[in-house]
Amino acid sequence: MITRVSIGRINGLYGVHGWIKVFSYTRPITNILNYSPWQLYQHGQWRTVSLSEGQAHGKGIIARLESIHNRDEAARLLGSEIAVNREQLPPTPKGEYYWADLIGLTVVNREDITLGQVEHLLETGANDVLVVKGERERLIPFLPEQVVVDVDLAQSVLRVDWDEDF
């Protein structure tokens, strides 16, 4: 099974020669240009495209795909989600995780009470926040050792020091 990880979205057009504007989820944002091929998801379909060139432009990224030669072809890609195969990403250092690896993990506190599953994460500036959905939604700061006690990807469990009443 192919595991894809979202790394950005096509959110605009640039010029008349098929360039696109890209909203990058990577940090720094220019890291999205290090990956090719891209997998584009649109209208329920995945499509593989090769990145020809790209660069930072203002506060965003512009890119040209090998198969796109004019503005009309590029316009058909607007709104497409950009993903890469998980295997294209470099391994993370010990204790660091890709957000995509945390989504779906079961969150359990020190008292072995299941709080729910990680639905997504939020970037707040100070620290990332886990959005955990269970019998109710919880926002739990992703603070290793302080709040996040253990991440067991093999067992799909994330252990936290978090009271069930919060």
N, C-alpha and C. Protein backbone atom coordinates (compact mmCIF):
# COMPACT_ATOMS: atom_id res chain seq x y z
N MET A 1 0.83 -1.19 0.00
CA MET A 1 0.00 0.00 0.00
C MET A 1 0.88 1.25 0.00
N ILE A 2 0.53 2.20 -0.83
CA ILE A 2 1.29 3.45 -0.92
C ILE A 2 0.78 4.40 0.16
N THR A 3 1.70 4.90 0.95
CA THR A 3 1.34 5.90 1.95
C THR A 3 1.79 7.25 1.45
N ARG A 4 0.84 8.15 1.32
CA ARG A 4 1.16 9.49 0.85
C ARG A 4 1.10 10.47 2.02
N VAL A 5 1.95 11.50 1.94
CA VAL A 5 1.99 12.54 2.95
C VAL A 5 1.77 13.87 2.24
N SER A 6 0.76 14.63 2.69
CA SER A 6 0.49 15.95 2.09
C SER A 6 1.61 16.91 2.45
N ILE A 7 2.09 17.62 1.43
CA ILE A 7 3.15 18.60 1.66
C ILE A 7 2.78 19.99 1.15
N GLY A 8 1.61 20.13 0.54
CA GLY A 8 1.23 21.44 0.05
C GLY A 8 -0.04 21.40 -0.78
N ARG A 9 -0.34 22.54 -1.41
CA ARG A 9 -1.56 22.68 -2.19
C ARG A 9 -1.30 23.70 -3.31
N ILE A 10 -1.87 23.47 -4.48
CA ILE A 10 -1.78 24.44 -5.57
C ILE A 10 -2.87 25.47 -5.35
N ASN A 11 -2.45 26.72 -5.17
CA ASN A 11 -3.44 27.74 -4.81
C ASN A 11 -3.46 28.95 -5.73
N GLY A 12 -2.80 28.87 -6.88
CA GLY A 12 -2.84 30.01 -7.79
C GLY A 12 -2.04 29.75 -9.05
N LEU A 13 -2.13 30.73 -9.94
CA LEU A 13 -1.41 30.68 -11.21
C LEU A 13 -0.40 31.81 -11.24
N TYR A 14 0.68 31.61 -11.99
CA TYR A 14 1.70 32.63 -12.10
C TYR A 14 2.14 32.72 -13.56
N GLY A 15 1.85 33.81 -14.20
CA GLY A 15 2.27 34.02 -15.58
C GLY A 15 1.45 33.22 -16.58
N VAL A 16 1.94 33.19 -17.82
CA VAL A 16 1.20 32.54 -18.90
C VAL A 16 1.86 31.25 -19.38
N HIS A 17 2.98 30.88 -18.80
CA HIS A 17 3.72 29.71 -19.27
C HIS A 17 3.52 28.46 -18.41
N GLY A 18 2.42 28.42 -17.65
CA GLY A 18 2.09 27.21 -16.90
C GLY A 18 2.63 27.14 -15.50
N TRP A 19 3.19 28.22 -14.98
CA TRP A 19 3.69 28.21 -13.60
C TRP A 19 2.50 28.24 -12.65
N ILE A 20 2.68 27.63 -11.49
CA ILE A 20 1.65 27.58 -10.46
C ILE A 20 2.17 28.20 -9.17
N LYS A 21 1.25 28.70 -8.35
CA LYS A 21 1.58 29.14 -7.00
C LYS A 21 1.28 27.98 -6.07
N VAL A 22 2.18 27.76 -5.11
CA VAL A 22 2.07 26.62 -4.22
C VAL A 22 2.07 27.10 -2.78
N PHE A 23 1.12 26.61 -2.00
CA PHE A 23 1.13 26.82 -0.57
C PHE A 23 1.80 25.59 0.04
N SER A 24 2.96 25.79 0.64
CA SER A 24 3.77 24.69 1.15
C SER A 24 3.51 24.45 2.63
N TYR A 25 3.34 23.16 3.00
CA TYR A 25 3.22 22.78 4.41
C TYR A 25 4.58 22.46 5.02
N THR A 26 5.64 22.45 4.21
CA THR A 26 6.96 22.07 4.70
C THR A 26 7.61 23.25 5.43
N ARG A 27 8.58 22.93 6.25
CA ARG A 27 9.36 23.96 6.95
C ARG A 27 10.83 23.72 6.69
N PRO A 28 11.58 24.66 6.15
CA PRO A 28 11.08 25.90 5.57
C PRO A 28 10.22 25.61 4.33
N ILE A 29 9.46 26.59 3.90
CA ILE A 29 8.51 26.36 2.82
C ILE A 29 9.17 25.91 1.52
N THR A 30 10.42 26.29 1.32
CA THR A 30 11.11 25.90 0.08
C THR A 30 11.47 24.42 0.03
N ASN A 31 11.36 23.71 1.15
CA ASN A 31 11.67 22.27 1.15
C ASN A 31 10.76 21.49 0.21
N ILE A 32 9.59 22.01 -0.09
CA ILE A 32 8.68 21.31 -1.00
C ILE A 32 9.34 21.10 -2.36
N LEU A 33 10.25 21.99 -2.72
CA LEU A 33 10.93 21.90 -4.01
C LEU A 33 11.98 20.79 -4.05
N ASN A 34 12.28 20.18 -2.90
CA ASN A 34 13.24 19.09 -2.83
C ASN A 34 12.65 17.74 -3.23
N TYR A 35 11.33 17.71 -3.43
CA TYR A 35 10.65 16.45 -3.71
C TYR A 35 10.10 16.42 -5.12
N SER A 36 10.37 15.34 -5.80
CA SER A 36 9.77 15.07 -7.10
C SER A 36 9.93 13.58 -7.33
N PRO A 37 8.92 12.91 -7.81
CA PRO A 37 7.67 13.46 -8.32
C PRO A 37 6.70 13.82 -7.20
N TRP A 38 5.72 14.65 -7.58
CA TRP A 38 4.62 14.98 -6.69
C TRP A 38 3.43 14.11 -7.08
N GLN A 39 2.59 13.86 -6.10
CA GLN A 39 1.30 13.21 -6.34
C GLN A 39 0.25 14.31 -6.16
N LEU A 40 -0.56 14.56 -7.18
CA LEU A 40 -1.61 15.57 -7.09
C LEU A 40 -2.95 14.87 -6.92
N TYR A 41 -3.74 15.36 -5.96
CA TYR A 41 -5.05 14.79 -5.70
C TYR A 41 -6.11 15.82 -6.04
N GLN A 42 -6.97 15.43 -6.99
CA GLN A 42 -8.04 16.33 -7.42
C GLN A 42 -9.17 15.50 -7.98
N HIS A 43 -10.40 15.86 -7.59
CA HIS A 43 -11.59 15.17 -8.07
C HIS A 43 -11.54 13.66 -7.82
N GLY A 44 -11.00 13.28 -6.64
CA GLY A 44 -10.98 11.88 -6.27
C GLY A 44 -9.93 11.03 -6.97
N GLN A 45 -9.02 11.67 -7.68
CA GLN A 45 -7.99 10.95 -8.44
C GLN A 45 -6.59 11.42 -8.05
N TRP A 46 -5.65 10.48 -8.05
CA TRP A 46 -4.23 10.81 -7.86
C TRP A 46 -3.57 10.84 -9.22
N ARG A 47 -2.67 11.79 -9.40
CA ARG A 47 -1.93 11.95 -10.65
C ARG A 47 -0.47 12.23 -10.29
N THR A 48 0.45 11.54 -10.93
CA THR A 48 1.87 11.75 -10.67
C THR A 48 2.41 12.77 -11.66
N VAL A 49 3.11 13.79 -11.13
CA VAL A 49 3.72 14.82 -11.98
C VAL A 49 5.14 15.05 -11.52
N SER A 50 5.99 15.44 -12.47
CA SER A 50 7.38 15.74 -12.14
C SER A 50 7.57 17.24 -12.06
N LEU A 51 8.29 17.67 -11.04
CA LEU A 51 8.61 19.07 -10.85
C LEU A 51 9.77 19.42 -11.77
N SER A 52 9.58 20.47 -12.59
CA SER A 52 10.64 20.89 -13.49
C SER A 52 11.55 21.92 -12.82
N GLU A 53 10.92 22.91 -12.20
CA GLU A 53 11.68 23.94 -11.49
C GLU A 53 10.76 24.69 -10.55
N GLY A 54 11.36 25.41 -9.61
CA GLY A 54 10.58 26.18 -8.67
C GLY A 54 11.47 27.08 -7.85
N GLN A 55 10.83 28.03 -7.17
CA GLN A 55 11.60 28.97 -6.37
C GLN A 55 10.69 29.71 -5.40
N ALA A 56 11.33 30.30 -4.39
CA ALA A 56 10.59 31.17 -3.48
C ALA A 56 10.19 32.41 -4.27
N HIS A 57 8.99 32.90 -3.98
CA HIS A 57 8.50 34.11 -4.65
C HIS A 57 7.64 34.87 -3.65
N GLY A 58 8.14 36.00 -3.16
CA GLY A 58 7.44 36.74 -2.12
C GLY A 58 7.37 35.88 -0.87
N LYS A 59 6.15 35.67 -0.35
CA LYS A 59 5.97 34.84 0.84
C LYS A 59 5.59 33.42 0.48
N GLY A 60 5.63 33.08 -0.80
CA GLY A 60 5.21 31.75 -1.22
C GLY A 60 6.20 31.08 -2.14
N ILE A 61 5.69 30.14 -2.90
CA ILE A 61 6.50 29.33 -3.83
C ILE A 61 5.81 29.36 -5.19
N ILE A 62 6.61 29.43 -6.24
CA ILE A 62 6.09 29.22 -7.59
C ILE A 62 6.84 28.03 -8.18
N ALA A 63 6.15 27.28 -9.04
CA ALA A 63 6.77 26.08 -9.59
C ALA A 63 6.23 25.82 -10.99
N ARG A 64 7.03 25.08 -11.75
CA ARG A 64 6.60 24.65 -13.08
C ARG A 64 6.73 23.14 -13.13
N LEU A 65 5.67 22.50 -13.61
CA LEU A 65 5.65 21.05 -13.74
C LEU A 65 5.99 20.67 -15.17
N GLU A 66 6.68 19.54 -15.37
CA GLU A 66 7.13 19.15 -16.70
C GLU A 66 5.99 18.99 -17.70
N SER A 67 4.84 18.52 -17.25
CA SER A 67 3.74 18.23 -18.17
C SER A 67 2.82 19.42 -18.43
N ILE A 68 3.08 20.56 -17.80
CA ILE A 68 2.21 21.73 -17.93
C ILE A 68 2.96 22.81 -18.70
N HIS A 69 2.33 23.29 -19.80
CA HIS A 69 3.03 24.22 -20.68
C HIS A 69 2.36 25.58 -20.83
N ASN A 70 1.13 25.73 -20.33
CA ASN A 70 0.47 27.02 -20.45
C ASN A 70 -0.49 27.24 -19.28
N ARG A 71 -0.98 28.46 -19.21
CA ARG A 71 -1.85 28.86 -18.10
C ARG A 71 -3.14 28.04 -18.04
N ASP A 72 -3.72 27.70 -19.19
CA ASP A 72 -4.96 26.93 -19.20
C ASP A 72 -4.76 25.54 -18.60
N GLU A 73 -3.65 24.88 -18.95
CA GLU A 73 -3.36 23.57 -18.36
C GLU A 73 -3.13 23.69 -16.86
N ALA A 74 -2.42 24.73 -16.44
CA ALA A 74 -2.15 24.94 -15.02
C ALA A 74 -3.44 25.23 -14.26
N ALA A 75 -4.37 25.94 -14.88
CA ALA A 75 -5.63 26.30 -14.21
C ALA A 75 -6.42 25.05 -13.82
N ARG A 76 -6.28 23.98 -14.58
CA ARG A 76 -7.00 22.73 -14.26
C ARG A 76 -6.50 22.09 -12.97
N LEU A 77 -5.34 22.52 -12.49
CA LEU A 77 -4.75 21.94 -11.28
C LEU A 77 -5.07 22.73 -10.02
N LEU A 78 -5.72 23.87 -10.16
CA LEU A 78 -6.02 24.70 -9.00
C LEU A 78 -6.78 23.91 -7.94
N GLY A 79 -6.34 24.05 -6.71
CA GLY A 79 -6.98 23.36 -5.59
C GLY A 79 -6.44 21.97 -5.33
N SER A 80 -5.56 21.48 -6.19
CA SER A 80 -5.01 20.13 -6.00
C SER A 80 -4.15 20.07 -4.75
N GLU A 81 -4.31 18.99 -4.01
CA GLU A 81 -3.46 18.70 -2.86
C GLU A 81 -2.16 18.09 -3.41
N ILE A 82 -1.02 18.48 -2.86
CA ILE A 82 0.27 17.95 -3.27
C ILE A 82 0.76 16.99 -2.19
N ALA A 83 1.10 15.79 -2.59
CA ALA A 83 1.61 14.80 -1.65
C ALA A 83 2.85 14.14 -2.25
N VAL A 84 3.58 13.45 -1.39
CA VAL A 84 4.69 12.62 -1.85
C VAL A 84 4.53 11.26 -1.19
N ASN A 85 5.15 10.27 -1.76
CA ASN A 85 5.17 8.96 -1.12
C ASN A 85 5.98 9.06 0.16
N ARG A 86 5.53 8.42 1.21
CA ARG A 86 6.18 8.49 2.52
C ARG A 86 7.66 8.14 2.43
N GLU A 87 8.00 7.22 1.55
CA GLU A 87 9.39 6.79 1.41
C GLU A 87 10.31 7.90 0.90
N GLN A 88 9.74 8.95 0.30
CA GLN A 88 10.55 10.06 -0.21
C GLN A 88 11.04 10.98 0.91
N LEU A 89 10.41 10.91 2.06
CA LEU A 89 10.79 11.78 3.17
C LEU A 89 12.00 11.21 3.90
N PRO A 90 12.90 12.07 4.35
CA PRO A 90 14.05 11.56 5.10
C PRO A 90 13.61 11.06 6.47
N PRO A 91 14.36 10.12 7.05
CA PRO A 91 14.02 9.66 8.39
C PRO A 91 14.11 10.81 9.39
N THR A 92 13.28 10.77 10.41
CA THR A 92 13.31 11.81 11.44
C THR A 92 14.31 11.42 12.52
N PRO A 93 14.91 12.42 13.17
CA PRO A 93 15.78 12.11 14.30
C PRO A 93 14.95 11.50 15.44
N LYS A 94 15.62 10.79 16.33
CA LYS A 94 14.94 10.17 17.47
C LYS A 94 14.17 11.25 18.24
N GLY A 95 12.91 10.94 18.55
CA GLY A 95 12.08 11.87 19.30
C GLY A 95 11.36 12.90 18.46
N GLU A 96 11.57 12.89 17.15
CA GLU A 96 10.86 13.81 16.25
C GLU A 96 9.99 12.99 15.32
N TYR A 97 8.86 13.59 14.91
CA TYR A 97 7.88 12.86 14.10
C TYR A 97 7.30 13.77 13.05
N TYR A 98 6.92 13.17 11.93
CA TYR A 98 6.13 13.90 10.96
C TYR A 98 4.70 13.94 11.48
N TRP A 99 4.02 15.05 11.25
CA TRP A 99 2.63 15.16 11.67
C TRP A 99 1.81 14.00 11.12
N ALA A 100 2.06 13.63 9.88
CA ALA A 100 1.30 12.55 9.24
C ALA A 100 1.42 11.24 10.02
N ASP A 101 2.55 11.05 10.71
CA ASP A 101 2.73 9.82 11.50
C ASP A 101 1.92 9.84 12.79
N LEU A 102 1.56 11.02 13.26
CA LEU A 102 0.82 11.14 14.52
C LEU A 102 -0.69 11.08 14.32
N ILE A 103 -1.15 11.47 13.14
CA ILE A 103 -2.59 11.47 12.87
C ILE A 103 -3.12 10.05 12.91
N GLY A 104 -4.19 9.87 13.68
CA GLY A 104 -4.80 8.55 13.82
C GLY A 104 -4.34 7.76 15.04
N LEU A 105 -3.28 8.22 15.71
CA LEU A 105 -2.82 7.50 16.89
C LEU A 105 -3.86 7.62 18.01
N THR A 106 -3.98 6.56 18.79
CA THR A 106 -4.85 6.56 19.96
C THR A 106 -4.11 7.25 21.10
N VAL A 107 -4.78 8.21 21.73
CA VAL A 107 -4.17 8.98 22.81
C VAL A 107 -4.66 8.42 24.15
N VAL A 108 -3.70 8.00 24.99
CA VAL A 108 -3.99 7.39 26.27
C VAL A 108 -3.23 8.17 27.35
N ASN A 109 -3.91 8.46 28.48
CA ASN A 109 -3.20 9.19 29.53
C ASN A 109 -2.52 8.22 30.50
N ARG A 110 -1.86 8.76 31.52
CA ARG A 110 -1.09 7.93 32.47
C ARG A 110 -1.97 6.96 33.25
N GLU A 111 -3.26 7.26 33.35
CA GLU A 111 -4.20 6.38 34.05
C GLU A 111 -4.81 5.34 33.12
N ASP A 112 -4.25 5.20 31.92
CA ASP A 112 -4.72 4.27 30.88
C ASP A 112 -6.15 4.57 30.43
N ILE A 113 -6.55 5.82 30.48
CA ILE A 113 -7.85 6.24 29.97
C ILE A 113 -7.65 6.74 28.54
N THR A 114 -8.40 6.16 27.62
CA THR A 114 -8.31 6.56 26.22
C THR A 114 -9.04 7.88 26.04
N LEU A 115 -8.32 8.89 25.55
CA LEU A 115 -8.89 10.22 25.36
C LEU A 115 -9.44 10.41 23.95
N GLY A 116 -9.03 9.57 23.03
CA GLY A 116 -9.49 9.67 21.64
C GLY A 116 -8.35 9.41 20.67
N GLN A 117 -8.52 9.90 19.46
CA GLN A 117 -7.49 9.75 18.43
C GLN A 117 -7.06 11.12 17.93
N VAL A 118 -5.81 11.21 17.52
CA VAL A 118 -5.30 12.45 16.95
C VAL A 118 -5.97 12.65 15.59
N GLU A 119 -6.77 13.71 15.48
CA GLU A 119 -7.44 14.00 14.22
C GLU A 119 -6.55 14.84 13.31
N HIS A 120 -5.92 15.86 13.88
CA HIS A 120 -4.96 16.68 13.16
C HIS A 120 -4.14 17.47 14.17
N LEU A 121 -3.23 18.28 13.70
CA LEU A 121 -2.40 19.10 14.56
C LEU A 121 -2.53 20.55 14.13
N LEU A 122 -2.29 21.45 15.08
CA LEU A 122 -2.31 22.88 14.82
C LEU A 122 -0.93 23.44 15.13
N GLU A 123 -0.50 24.38 14.32
CA GLU A 123 0.75 25.08 14.58
C GLU A 123 0.38 26.42 15.22
N THR A 124 0.81 26.63 16.46
CA THR A 124 0.41 27.85 17.17
C THR A 124 1.54 28.86 17.29
N GLY A 125 2.74 28.49 16.94
CA GLY A 125 3.88 29.38 17.10
C GLY A 125 4.70 28.97 18.32
N ALA A 126 4.04 28.90 19.48
CA ALA A 126 4.74 28.49 20.69
C ALA A 126 5.06 27.01 20.65
N ASN A 127 4.07 26.19 20.29
CA ASN A 127 4.26 24.75 20.17
C ASN A 127 3.11 24.19 19.34
N ASP A 128 3.31 22.99 18.83
CA ASP A 128 2.24 22.34 18.08
C ASP A 128 1.21 21.81 19.07
N VAL A 129 -0.04 21.69 18.59
CA VAL A 129 -1.14 21.23 19.43
C VAL A 129 -1.82 20.05 18.76
N LEU A 130 -2.01 18.96 19.52
CA LEU A 130 -2.75 17.80 19.04
C LEU A 130 -4.24 18.07 19.19
N VAL A 131 -5.00 17.86 18.12
CA VAL A 131 -6.46 17.93 18.20
C VAL A 131 -6.93 16.49 18.32
N VAL A 132 -7.42 16.15 19.51
CA VAL A 132 -7.79 14.78 19.84
C VAL A 132 -9.32 14.68 19.88
N LYS A 133 -9.86 13.76 19.07
CA LYS A 133 -11.32 13.55 19.05
C LYS A 133 -11.64 12.23 19.72
N GLY A 134 -12.51 12.32 20.71
CA GLY A 134 -13.01 11.14 21.41
C GLY A 134 -14.46 11.40 21.72
N GLU A 135 -14.85 11.20 22.99
CA GLU A 135 -16.22 11.54 23.36
C GLU A 135 -16.41 13.05 23.29
N ARG A 136 -15.29 13.78 23.28
CA ARG A 136 -15.29 15.22 23.04
C ARG A 136 -13.93 15.61 22.45
N GLU A 137 -13.83 16.82 21.97
CA GLU A 137 -12.57 17.27 21.39
C GLU A 137 -11.67 17.86 22.48
N ARG A 138 -10.39 17.49 22.42
CA ARG A 138 -9.40 18.03 23.35
C ARG A 138 -8.25 18.62 22.55
N LEU A 139 -7.72 19.72 23.05
CA LEU A 139 -6.52 20.32 22.48
C LEU A 139 -5.39 20.08 23.47
N ILE A 140 -4.41 19.29 23.04
CA ILE A 140 -3.32 18.89 23.93
C ILE A 140 -2.00 19.37 23.33
N PRO A 141 -1.24 20.18 24.07
CA PRO A 141 0.03 20.66 23.53
C PRO A 141 1.01 19.51 23.29
N PHE A 142 1.69 19.57 22.15
CA PHE A 142 2.70 18.55 21.85
C PHE A 142 4.01 19.01 22.46
N LEU A 143 4.17 18.68 23.74
CA LEU A 143 5.38 19.04 24.48
C LEU A 143 6.04 17.75 24.96
N PRO A 144 7.04 17.26 24.21
CA PRO A 144 7.71 16.03 24.61
C PRO A 144 8.26 16.12 26.04
N GLU A 145 8.11 15.02 26.75
CA GLU A 145 8.54 14.84 28.13
C GLU A 145 7.67 15.57 29.14
N GLN A 146 7.12 16.73 28.80
CA GLN A 146 6.25 17.44 29.73
C GLN A 146 4.82 16.92 29.63
N VAL A 147 4.29 16.85 28.42
CA VAL A 147 2.91 16.39 28.21
C VAL A 147 2.92 15.06 27.45
N VAL A 148 3.67 15.00 26.38
CA VAL A 148 3.75 13.76 25.58
C VAL A 148 4.83 12.88 26.19
N VAL A 149 4.38 11.79 26.80
CA VAL A 149 5.28 10.90 27.53
C VAL A 149 5.94 9.89 26.60
N ASP A 150 5.16 9.36 25.63
CA ASP A 150 5.70 8.33 24.74
C ASP A 150 4.91 8.31 23.44
N VAL A 151 5.60 8.08 22.35
CA VAL A 151 4.97 7.89 21.05
C VAL A 151 5.40 6.52 20.56
N ASP A 152 4.44 5.61 20.43
CA ASP A 152 4.70 4.26 19.98
C ASP A 152 4.01 4.07 18.64
N LEU A 153 4.75 4.35 17.55
CA LEU A 153 4.17 4.25 16.21
C LEU A 153 3.79 2.81 15.87
N ALA A 154 4.57 1.85 16.34
CA ALA A 154 4.29 0.44 16.05
C ALA A 154 2.96 0.01 16.65
N GLN A 155 2.63 0.50 17.84
CA GLN A 155 1.37 0.15 18.51
C GLN A 155 0.26 1.17 18.24
N SER A 156 0.60 2.26 17.52
CA SER A 156 -0.34 3.35 17.22
C SER A 156 -0.90 4.00 18.47
N VAL A 157 -0.01 4.21 19.47
CA VAL A 157 -0.43 4.80 20.74
C VAL A 157 0.47 5.99 21.08
N LEU A 158 -0.18 7.06 21.55
CA LEU A 158 0.53 8.24 22.03
C LEU A 158 0.11 8.42 23.49
N ARG A 159 1.08 8.31 24.41
CA ARG A 159 0.80 8.44 25.84
C ARG A 159 1.07 9.87 26.29
N VAL A 160 0.12 10.39 27.08
CA VAL A 160 0.23 11.77 27.53
C VAL A 160 0.02 11.88 29.03
N ASP A 161 0.60 12.91 29.62
CA ASP A 161 0.35 13.27 31.01
C ASP A 161 -0.72 14.36 30.94
N TRP A 162 -1.98 13.92 30.89
CA TRP A 162 -3.09 14.85 30.67
C TRP A 162 -4.32 14.32 31.39
N ASP A 163 -4.92 15.15 32.19
CA ASP A 163 -6.11 14.76 32.95
C ASP A 163 -7.31 14.61 32.01
N GLU A 164 -8.11 13.59 32.21
CA GLU A 164 -9.25 13.36 31.31
C GLU A 164 -10.29 14.47 31.40
N ASP A 165 -10.28 15.27 32.48
CA ASP A 165 -11.24 16.35 32.63
C ASP A 165 -10.85 17.62 31.88
N PHE A 166 -9.63 17.67 31.36
CA PHE A 166 -9.19 18.86 30.60
C PHE A 166 -9.70 18.77 29.20
